[in-house]
Amino acid sequence: MKKALLFSIAVTVIFFTACQEGTAKKVTATTSVAPSTNASTAKTSGVPVMTFDNTSHDFGTITEGDKVTTTFGFTNTGDADLIIVDARGSCGCTVPQYPKNTPIAPGETGSIVVSFDSSNKPGVQQKSVTLSANTASGREMLRIKSNVTPDPVKQKQRDAQAKARQQN
């Protein structure tokens, strides 16, 4: 029994240690192998830096079922091409659109469009979008929030379901 426990702990430690390679290293390795869209302007030294106009947005009070959108503008203030390889919302209701695997030269600007679907999300909502890019940290975060006013019909249904669960 002790041997099985020690073995499983050892495997777990090895698994988590092996997965510690940072996103920045992965992106650098990927971009150095991948062909550049414009080899004469691609830079290989330095580090890109994403400087956002704003990293958070408050939609204020919206009605349940509304689909709202905001745009986060950014500039590459570093001295190497910026490449965003992934952008993920914290839940399926938060969807980012971004320039995937497109080199953004130093000084150039770009944007990330984030859509939020408030269906079945009453109350205060705080969501995030995680960007994986070849920046020094390898990860950038954007945040959105809103206060979703419940749809009266759906709220009655939720209340009835909650009451039924309490009685069982």
N, C-alpha and C. Protein backbone atom coordinates (compact mmCIF):
# COMPACT_ATOMS: atom_id res chain seq x y z
N MET A 1 0.83 -1.19 0.00
CA MET A 1 0.00 0.00 0.00
C MET A 1 0.87 1.25 0.00
N LYS A 2 1.90 1.27 0.85
CA LYS A 2 2.79 2.42 0.91
C LYS A 2 3.54 2.60 -0.39
N LYS A 3 3.94 1.48 -1.03
CA LYS A 3 4.68 1.55 -2.29
C LYS A 3 3.80 2.14 -3.39
N ALA A 4 2.54 1.74 -3.42
CA ALA A 4 1.61 2.26 -4.43
C ALA A 4 1.40 3.76 -4.23
N LEU A 5 1.27 4.18 -2.99
CA LEU A 5 1.09 5.60 -2.69
C LEU A 5 2.32 6.40 -3.09
N LEU A 6 3.50 5.91 -2.72
CA LEU A 6 4.74 6.60 -3.09
C LEU A 6 4.92 6.64 -4.60
N PHE A 7 4.58 5.56 -5.28
CA PHE A 7 4.70 5.52 -6.73
C PHE A 7 3.78 6.56 -7.37
N SER A 8 2.53 6.64 -6.91
CA SER A 8 1.59 7.60 -7.49
C SER A 8 2.02 9.04 -7.21
N ILE A 9 2.59 9.30 -6.04
CA ILE A 9 3.09 10.65 -5.73
C ILE A 9 4.27 10.98 -6.64
N ALA A 10 5.16 10.03 -6.85
CA ALA A 10 6.33 10.25 -7.71
C ALA A 10 5.90 10.53 -9.15
N VAL A 11 4.92 9.78 -9.66
CA VAL A 11 4.43 10.00 -11.02
C VAL A 11 3.79 11.38 -11.13
N THR A 12 3.03 11.78 -10.14
CA THR A 12 2.39 13.09 -10.14
C THR A 12 3.43 14.20 -10.15
N VAL A 13 4.46 14.10 -9.34
CA VAL A 13 5.51 15.11 -9.28
C VAL A 13 6.22 15.20 -10.62
N ILE A 14 6.53 14.06 -11.22
CA ILE A 14 7.21 14.05 -12.52
C ILE A 14 6.32 14.69 -13.58
N PHE A 15 5.03 14.36 -13.56
CA PHE A 15 4.09 14.92 -14.53
C PHE A 15 4.05 16.44 -14.45
N PHE A 16 3.88 16.98 -13.24
CA PHE A 16 3.78 18.43 -13.09
C PHE A 16 5.10 19.12 -13.37
N THR A 17 6.21 18.51 -13.05
CA THR A 17 7.52 19.09 -13.33
C THR A 17 7.77 19.13 -14.83
N ALA A 18 7.36 18.11 -15.54
CA ALA A 18 7.58 18.05 -16.98
C ALA A 18 6.74 19.06 -17.73
N CYS A 19 5.64 19.49 -17.16
CA CYS A 19 4.72 20.43 -17.83
C CYS A 19 5.01 21.89 -17.49
N GLN A 20 6.16 22.21 -16.97
CA GLN A 20 6.42 23.57 -16.53
C GLN A 20 7.05 24.45 -17.59
N GLU A 21 7.20 23.97 -18.84
CA GLU A 21 7.78 24.78 -19.89
C GLU A 21 6.86 25.96 -20.16
N GLY A 22 7.39 27.18 -20.17
CA GLY A 22 6.58 28.38 -20.33
C GLY A 22 6.09 28.57 -21.75
N THR A 23 4.99 29.30 -21.90
CA THR A 23 4.42 29.57 -23.20
C THR A 23 5.37 30.38 -24.06
N ALA A 24 6.09 31.31 -23.46
CA ALA A 24 7.02 32.13 -24.23
C ALA A 24 8.06 31.26 -24.91
N LYS A 25 8.55 30.23 -24.23
CA LYS A 25 9.53 29.32 -24.83
C LYS A 25 8.89 28.54 -25.97
N LYS A 26 7.66 28.09 -25.78
CA LYS A 26 6.98 27.34 -26.82
C LYS A 26 6.76 28.20 -28.05
N VAL A 27 6.33 29.45 -27.85
CA VAL A 27 6.07 30.34 -28.96
C VAL A 27 7.36 30.66 -29.69
N THR A 28 8.44 30.93 -28.94
CA THR A 28 9.72 31.23 -29.56
C THR A 28 10.19 30.06 -30.40
N ALA A 29 10.06 28.85 -29.86
CA ALA A 29 10.47 27.66 -30.61
C ALA A 29 9.61 27.49 -31.85
N THR A 30 8.33 27.72 -31.74
CA THR A 30 7.43 27.58 -32.87
C THR A 30 7.72 28.62 -33.93
N THR A 31 7.92 29.86 -33.52
CA THR A 31 8.11 30.92 -34.50
C THR A 31 9.49 30.86 -35.14
N SER A 32 10.48 30.31 -34.48
CA SER A 32 11.79 30.24 -35.09
C SER A 32 11.84 29.16 -36.16
N VAL A 33 10.95 28.16 -36.07
CA VAL A 33 10.91 27.09 -37.06
C VAL A 33 9.97 27.46 -38.20
N ALA A 34 8.88 28.13 -37.88
CA ALA A 34 7.87 28.46 -38.88
C ALA A 34 8.40 29.53 -39.83
N PRO A 35 8.04 29.44 -41.10
CA PRO A 35 8.48 30.46 -42.04
C PRO A 35 7.79 31.78 -41.77
N SER A 36 8.52 32.86 -41.95
CA SER A 36 7.97 34.18 -41.72
C SER A 36 7.21 34.63 -42.96
N THR A 37 6.17 35.43 -42.77
CA THR A 37 5.41 35.92 -43.91
C THR A 37 6.20 36.97 -44.67
N ASN A 38 7.12 37.64 -44.00
CA ASN A 38 7.95 38.64 -44.65
C ASN A 38 9.33 38.57 -44.01
N ALA A 39 10.19 37.74 -44.54
CA ALA A 39 11.48 37.46 -43.92
C ALA A 39 12.36 38.70 -43.81
N SER A 40 12.19 39.65 -44.71
CA SER A 40 13.07 40.82 -44.67
C SER A 40 12.75 41.75 -43.51
N THR A 41 11.50 41.73 -43.01
CA THR A 41 11.14 42.62 -41.92
C THR A 41 11.03 41.91 -40.58
N ALA A 42 11.11 40.59 -40.57
CA ALA A 42 11.00 39.85 -39.30
C ALA A 42 12.23 40.10 -38.45
N LYS A 43 12.01 40.36 -37.18
CA LYS A 43 13.11 40.59 -36.25
C LYS A 43 13.28 39.38 -35.37
N THR A 44 14.52 39.04 -35.06
CA THR A 44 14.77 37.85 -34.25
C THR A 44 15.35 38.18 -32.89
N SER A 45 15.76 39.41 -32.66
CA SER A 45 16.32 39.76 -31.36
C SER A 45 15.30 40.55 -30.55
N GLY A 46 15.53 40.61 -29.24
CA GLY A 46 14.63 41.37 -28.38
C GLY A 46 13.37 40.62 -28.04
N VAL A 47 12.48 41.33 -27.36
CA VAL A 47 11.24 40.73 -26.88
C VAL A 47 10.08 41.66 -27.23
N PRO A 48 8.98 41.10 -27.73
CA PRO A 48 7.80 41.93 -27.96
C PRO A 48 7.12 42.27 -26.64
N VAL A 49 6.46 43.41 -26.61
CA VAL A 49 5.72 43.85 -25.43
C VAL A 49 4.34 44.32 -25.88
N MET A 50 3.29 43.74 -25.28
CA MET A 50 1.92 44.17 -25.58
C MET A 50 1.53 45.27 -24.62
N THR A 51 1.30 46.46 -25.14
CA THR A 51 0.84 47.58 -24.33
C THR A 51 -0.60 47.87 -24.74
N PHE A 52 -1.52 47.62 -23.80
CA PHE A 52 -2.95 47.78 -24.07
C PHE A 52 -3.41 49.19 -23.75
N ASP A 53 -4.40 49.66 -24.53
CA ASP A 53 -5.08 50.92 -24.21
C ASP A 53 -5.80 50.76 -22.88
N ASN A 54 -6.36 49.56 -22.66
CA ASN A 54 -7.11 49.25 -21.45
C ASN A 54 -7.16 47.73 -21.33
N THR A 55 -7.01 47.18 -20.13
CA THR A 55 -7.05 45.73 -19.96
C THR A 55 -8.35 45.25 -19.32
N SER A 56 -9.27 46.17 -19.04
CA SER A 56 -10.56 45.76 -18.48
C SER A 56 -11.67 46.63 -19.06
N HIS A 57 -12.87 46.05 -19.08
CA HIS A 57 -14.03 46.78 -19.59
C HIS A 57 -15.25 46.40 -18.77
N ASP A 58 -16.03 47.41 -18.39
CA ASP A 58 -17.26 47.20 -17.64
C ASP A 58 -18.44 47.53 -18.56
N PHE A 59 -19.25 46.51 -18.87
CA PHE A 59 -20.41 46.72 -19.71
C PHE A 59 -21.55 47.40 -18.96
N GLY A 60 -21.41 47.54 -17.64
CA GLY A 60 -22.47 48.14 -16.84
C GLY A 60 -23.61 47.16 -16.66
N THR A 61 -24.83 47.68 -16.55
CA THR A 61 -26.01 46.83 -16.36
C THR A 61 -26.59 46.48 -17.72
N ILE A 62 -26.73 45.18 -17.98
CA ILE A 62 -27.33 44.70 -19.22
C ILE A 62 -28.43 43.71 -18.87
N THR A 63 -29.27 43.39 -19.83
CA THR A 63 -30.38 42.47 -19.62
C THR A 63 -29.96 41.05 -20.01
N GLU A 64 -30.38 40.08 -19.23
CA GLU A 64 -30.07 38.68 -19.53
C GLU A 64 -30.49 38.36 -20.96
N GLY A 65 -29.59 37.77 -21.70
CA GLY A 65 -29.83 37.44 -23.11
C GLY A 65 -29.13 38.39 -24.07
N ASP A 66 -28.70 39.55 -23.56
CA ASP A 66 -27.97 40.50 -24.41
C ASP A 66 -26.62 39.92 -24.81
N LYS A 67 -26.20 40.22 -26.04
CA LYS A 67 -24.86 39.86 -26.51
C LYS A 67 -24.13 41.17 -26.75
N VAL A 68 -23.07 41.38 -25.97
CA VAL A 68 -22.34 42.64 -26.04
C VAL A 68 -20.90 42.38 -26.47
N THR A 69 -20.28 43.41 -27.03
CA THR A 69 -18.94 43.28 -27.57
C THR A 69 -18.11 44.51 -27.21
N THR A 70 -16.82 44.29 -26.98
CA THR A 70 -15.90 45.39 -26.76
C THR A 70 -14.59 45.07 -27.48
N THR A 71 -13.81 46.11 -27.74
CA THR A 71 -12.53 45.94 -28.42
C THR A 71 -11.41 46.45 -27.53
N PHE A 72 -10.38 45.62 -27.37
CA PHE A 72 -9.18 45.99 -26.63
C PHE A 72 -8.08 46.28 -27.65
N GLY A 73 -7.65 47.53 -27.72
CA GLY A 73 -6.57 47.89 -28.62
C GLY A 73 -5.22 47.72 -27.94
N PHE A 74 -4.20 47.37 -28.72
CA PHE A 74 -2.86 47.21 -28.16
C PHE A 74 -1.82 47.65 -29.19
N THR A 75 -0.63 47.92 -28.67
CA THR A 75 0.51 48.27 -29.51
C THR A 75 1.69 47.39 -29.12
N ASN A 76 2.45 46.94 -30.08
CA ASN A 76 3.68 46.21 -29.80
C ASN A 76 4.76 47.25 -29.51
N THR A 77 5.04 47.46 -28.23
CA THR A 77 6.05 48.46 -27.83
C THR A 77 7.41 47.81 -27.60
N GLY A 78 7.55 46.55 -27.94
CA GLY A 78 8.83 45.87 -27.79
C GLY A 78 9.69 46.07 -29.02
N ASP A 79 10.74 45.26 -29.12
CA ASP A 79 11.64 45.40 -30.26
C ASP A 79 11.76 44.11 -31.05
N ALA A 80 10.69 43.31 -31.08
CA ALA A 80 10.61 42.10 -31.89
C ALA A 80 9.16 41.90 -32.30
N ASP A 81 8.95 41.10 -33.34
CA ASP A 81 7.59 40.82 -33.79
C ASP A 81 6.79 40.13 -32.69
N LEU A 82 5.56 40.57 -32.53
CA LEU A 82 4.63 39.99 -31.56
C LEU A 82 3.76 38.97 -32.28
N ILE A 83 3.61 37.79 -31.68
CA ILE A 83 2.75 36.76 -32.26
C ILE A 83 1.84 36.22 -31.17
N ILE A 84 0.53 36.35 -31.39
CA ILE A 84 -0.46 35.80 -30.46
C ILE A 84 -0.84 34.42 -31.00
N VAL A 85 -0.59 33.39 -30.22
CA VAL A 85 -0.86 32.03 -30.69
C VAL A 85 -2.21 31.50 -30.19
N ASP A 86 -2.76 32.09 -29.13
CA ASP A 86 -4.02 31.60 -28.61
C ASP A 86 -4.68 32.67 -27.75
N ALA A 87 -6.00 32.63 -27.71
CA ALA A 87 -6.79 33.49 -26.83
C ALA A 87 -7.99 32.67 -26.38
N ARG A 88 -8.18 32.58 -25.07
CA ARG A 88 -9.27 31.76 -24.53
C ARG A 88 -10.07 32.53 -23.50
N GLY A 89 -11.38 32.44 -23.63
CA GLY A 89 -12.27 33.02 -22.64
C GLY A 89 -12.38 32.10 -21.44
N SER A 90 -12.72 32.68 -20.29
CA SER A 90 -12.83 31.87 -19.07
C SER A 90 -14.06 30.98 -19.06
N CYS A 91 -14.99 31.24 -19.96
CA CYS A 91 -16.14 30.34 -20.13
C CYS A 91 -16.62 30.45 -21.56
N GLY A 92 -17.54 29.58 -21.95
CA GLY A 92 -18.02 29.57 -23.33
C GLY A 92 -18.80 30.81 -23.72
N CYS A 93 -19.23 31.60 -22.75
CA CYS A 93 -19.99 32.81 -23.04
C CYS A 93 -19.09 33.98 -23.44
N THR A 94 -17.77 33.81 -23.27
CA THR A 94 -16.82 34.88 -23.56
C THR A 94 -15.94 34.41 -24.72
N VAL A 95 -16.08 35.07 -25.88
CA VAL A 95 -15.39 34.63 -27.09
C VAL A 95 -14.50 35.74 -27.63
N PRO A 96 -13.18 35.50 -27.71
CA PRO A 96 -12.27 36.49 -28.28
C PRO A 96 -12.02 36.25 -29.77
N GLN A 97 -11.83 37.34 -30.51
CA GLN A 97 -11.36 37.29 -31.89
C GLN A 97 -10.05 38.05 -31.91
N TYR A 98 -9.01 37.45 -32.50
CA TYR A 98 -7.68 38.03 -32.41
C TYR A 98 -6.86 37.67 -33.64
N PRO A 99 -5.77 38.39 -33.89
CA PRO A 99 -4.91 38.09 -35.04
C PRO A 99 -4.01 36.89 -34.75
N LYS A 100 -4.52 35.69 -34.99
CA LYS A 100 -3.81 34.47 -34.64
C LYS A 100 -2.61 34.24 -35.56
N ASN A 101 -1.45 34.01 -34.91
CA ASN A 101 -0.20 33.69 -35.60
C ASN A 101 0.17 34.71 -36.68
N THR A 102 -0.24 35.95 -36.52
CA THR A 102 0.09 37.02 -37.45
C THR A 102 1.15 37.90 -36.81
N PRO A 103 2.35 37.99 -37.41
CA PRO A 103 3.39 38.84 -36.82
C PRO A 103 2.96 40.31 -36.79
N ILE A 104 3.11 40.92 -35.63
CA ILE A 104 2.81 42.34 -35.46
C ILE A 104 4.14 43.01 -35.14
N ALA A 105 4.61 43.81 -36.05
CA ALA A 105 5.93 44.42 -35.94
C ALA A 105 5.96 45.45 -34.81
N PRO A 106 7.15 45.75 -34.29
CA PRO A 106 7.28 46.79 -33.27
C PRO A 106 6.68 48.11 -33.76
N GLY A 107 5.88 48.73 -32.90
CA GLY A 107 5.23 49.99 -33.24
C GLY A 107 3.87 49.83 -33.88
N GLU A 108 3.56 48.64 -34.38
CA GLU A 108 2.26 48.41 -35.00
C GLU A 108 1.19 48.16 -33.93
N THR A 109 -0.05 48.36 -34.34
CA THR A 109 -1.18 48.17 -33.41
C THR A 109 -2.03 47.00 -33.87
N GLY A 110 -2.85 46.52 -32.96
CA GLY A 110 -3.79 45.46 -33.25
C GLY A 110 -4.96 45.56 -32.29
N SER A 111 -5.89 44.63 -32.43
CA SER A 111 -7.03 44.65 -31.53
C SER A 111 -7.53 43.24 -31.26
N ILE A 112 -8.14 43.11 -30.09
CA ILE A 112 -8.78 41.88 -29.67
C ILE A 112 -10.25 42.24 -29.43
N VAL A 113 -11.15 41.58 -30.13
CA VAL A 113 -12.58 41.82 -29.97
C VAL A 113 -13.12 40.72 -29.07
N VAL A 114 -13.77 41.12 -27.98
CA VAL A 114 -14.31 40.16 -27.02
C VAL A 114 -15.83 40.30 -26.98
N SER A 115 -16.51 39.17 -27.21
CA SER A 115 -17.97 39.13 -27.16
C SER A 115 -18.41 38.37 -25.92
N PHE A 116 -19.48 38.85 -25.30
CA PHE A 116 -20.03 38.22 -24.10
C PHE A 116 -21.51 37.98 -24.31
N ASP A 117 -21.95 36.73 -24.14
CA ASP A 117 -23.35 36.35 -24.25
C ASP A 117 -23.90 36.15 -22.84
N SER A 118 -24.84 37.01 -22.44
CA SER A 118 -25.34 37.00 -21.06
C SER A 118 -26.50 36.03 -20.84
N SER A 119 -26.80 35.19 -21.82
CA SER A 119 -27.89 34.21 -21.66
C SER A 119 -27.58 33.28 -20.49
N ASN A 120 -28.55 33.13 -19.61
CA ASN A 120 -28.43 32.27 -18.43
C ASN A 120 -27.27 32.67 -17.51
N LYS A 121 -26.97 33.95 -17.45
CA LYS A 121 -25.89 34.46 -16.60
C LYS A 121 -26.38 35.65 -15.77
N PRO A 122 -27.43 35.48 -14.93
CA PRO A 122 -27.91 36.62 -14.15
C PRO A 122 -26.94 36.99 -13.04
N GLY A 123 -26.99 38.25 -12.63
CA GLY A 123 -26.16 38.72 -11.54
C GLY A 123 -24.86 39.34 -12.03
N VAL A 124 -23.94 39.57 -11.10
CA VAL A 124 -22.66 40.17 -11.43
C VAL A 124 -21.79 39.12 -12.11
N GLN A 125 -21.26 39.47 -13.26
CA GLN A 125 -20.42 38.56 -14.04
C GLN A 125 -19.04 39.18 -14.23
N GLN A 126 -18.01 38.40 -13.96
CA GLN A 126 -16.63 38.82 -14.20
C GLN A 126 -15.96 37.70 -14.98
N LYS A 127 -15.51 38.01 -16.18
CA LYS A 127 -14.90 37.03 -17.06
C LYS A 127 -13.53 37.53 -17.49
N SER A 128 -12.71 36.59 -17.97
CA SER A 128 -11.38 36.98 -18.42
C SER A 128 -11.06 36.30 -19.75
N VAL A 129 -10.10 36.88 -20.45
CA VAL A 129 -9.56 36.30 -21.67
C VAL A 129 -8.06 36.19 -21.45
N THR A 130 -7.52 34.99 -21.65
CA THR A 130 -6.09 34.76 -21.49
C THR A 130 -5.46 34.65 -22.87
N LEU A 131 -4.48 35.51 -23.12
CA LEU A 131 -3.76 35.51 -24.39
C LEU A 131 -2.43 34.81 -24.20
N SER A 132 -2.10 33.91 -25.10
CA SER A 132 -0.79 33.27 -25.11
C SER A 132 -0.01 33.88 -26.27
N ALA A 133 1.11 34.50 -25.93
CA ALA A 133 1.90 35.21 -26.94
C ALA A 133 3.38 35.06 -26.62
N ASN A 134 4.22 35.53 -27.51
CA ASN A 134 5.67 35.43 -27.32
C ASN A 134 6.24 36.61 -26.55
N THR A 135 5.49 37.11 -25.57
CA THR A 135 5.97 38.17 -24.69
C THR A 135 6.85 37.54 -23.61
N ALA A 136 7.47 38.36 -22.78
CA ALA A 136 8.36 37.85 -21.73
C ALA A 136 7.62 36.91 -20.78
N SER A 137 6.40 37.25 -20.40
CA SER A 137 5.65 36.40 -19.48
C SER A 137 4.95 35.26 -20.21
N GLY A 138 4.70 35.42 -21.50
CA GLY A 138 4.02 34.39 -22.26
C GLY A 138 2.52 34.43 -22.13
N ARG A 139 2.01 35.27 -21.24
CA ARG A 139 0.58 35.32 -20.98
C ARG A 139 0.16 36.75 -20.66
N GLU A 140 -0.95 37.16 -21.26
CA GLU A 140 -1.55 38.46 -20.98
C GLU A 140 -3.02 38.23 -20.64
N MET A 141 -3.58 39.07 -19.76
CA MET A 141 -4.96 38.89 -19.31
C MET A 141 -5.80 40.14 -19.64
N LEU A 142 -7.00 39.89 -20.12
CA LEU A 142 -8.00 40.94 -20.32
C LEU A 142 -9.21 40.56 -19.49
N ARG A 143 -9.92 41.55 -18.95
CA ARG A 143 -11.06 41.26 -18.08
C ARG A 143 -12.28 42.08 -18.51
N ILE A 144 -13.44 41.43 -18.38
CA ILE A 144 -14.70 42.12 -18.62
C ILE A 144 -15.61 41.85 -17.43
N LYS A 145 -16.54 42.77 -17.22
CA LYS A 145 -17.53 42.54 -16.16
C LYS A 145 -18.83 43.23 -16.54
N SER A 146 -19.90 42.77 -15.90
CA SER A 146 -21.21 43.37 -16.12
C SER A 146 -22.15 42.93 -15.01
N ASN A 147 -23.22 43.66 -14.87
CA ASN A 147 -24.29 43.29 -13.95
C ASN A 147 -25.48 42.92 -14.83
N VAL A 148 -25.82 41.64 -14.85
CA VAL A 148 -26.86 41.14 -15.74
C VAL A 148 -28.18 41.09 -15.00
N THR A 149 -29.15 41.88 -15.46
CA THR A 149 -30.49 41.90 -14.89
C THR A 149 -31.22 40.64 -15.35
N PRO A 150 -31.73 39.84 -14.41
CA PRO A 150 -32.37 38.57 -14.79
C PRO A 150 -33.63 38.77 -15.63
N ASP A 151 -33.83 37.86 -16.56
CA ASP A 151 -35.07 37.79 -17.33
C ASP A 151 -36.15 37.28 -16.37
N PRO A 152 -37.27 37.99 -16.20
CA PRO A 152 -38.28 37.59 -15.21
C PRO A 152 -38.81 36.16 -15.41
N VAL A 153 -39.03 35.76 -16.65
CA VAL A 153 -39.56 34.42 -16.92
C VAL A 153 -38.53 33.36 -16.54
N LYS A 154 -37.30 33.55 -16.95
CA LYS A 154 -36.25 32.58 -16.63
C LYS A 154 -35.97 32.55 -15.13
N GLN A 155 -36.08 33.70 -14.48
CA GLN A 155 -35.83 33.74 -13.04
C GLN A 155 -36.89 32.95 -12.29
N LYS A 156 -38.16 33.03 -12.73
CA LYS A 156 -39.23 32.24 -12.10
C LYS A 156 -38.94 30.75 -12.26
N GLN A 157 -38.45 30.35 -13.43
CA GLN A 157 -38.11 28.94 -13.67
C GLN A 157 -36.96 28.50 -12.77
N ARG A 158 -35.95 29.33 -12.63
CA ARG A 158 -34.81 29.00 -11.75
C ARG A 158 -35.26 28.89 -10.30
N ASP A 159 -36.12 29.81 -9.88
CA ASP A 159 -36.62 29.77 -8.49
C ASP A 159 -37.44 28.50 -8.25
N ALA A 160 -38.26 28.11 -9.21
CA ALA A 160 -39.07 26.90 -9.07
C ALA A 160 -38.18 25.66 -8.99
N GLN A 161 -37.13 25.62 -9.80
CA GLN A 161 -36.20 24.49 -9.77
C GLN A 161 -35.46 24.43 -8.44
N ALA A 162 -35.05 25.58 -7.93
CA ALA A 162 -34.35 25.61 -6.64
C ALA A 162 -35.28 25.14 -5.52
N LYS A 163 -36.53 25.56 -5.56
CA LYS A 163 -37.49 25.15 -4.54
C LYS A 163 -37.74 23.66 -4.60
N ALA A 164 -37.81 23.11 -5.80
CA ALA A 164 -38.02 21.66 -5.98
C ALA A 164 -36.83 20.88 -5.44
N ARG A 165 -35.61 21.37 -5.64
CA ARG A 165 -34.42 20.70 -5.13
C ARG A 165 -34.39 20.72 -3.60
N GLN A 166 -34.84 21.81 -3.00
CA GLN A 166 -34.86 21.91 -1.53
C GLN A 166 -35.87 20.95 -0.92
N GLN A 167 -36.96 20.70 -1.60
CA GLN A 167 -37.99 19.82 -1.06
C GLN A 167 -37.59 18.36 -1.17
N ASN A 168 -36.71 18.02 -2.08
CA ASN A 168 -36.28 16.60 -2.24
C ASN A 168 -35.21 16.26 -1.31
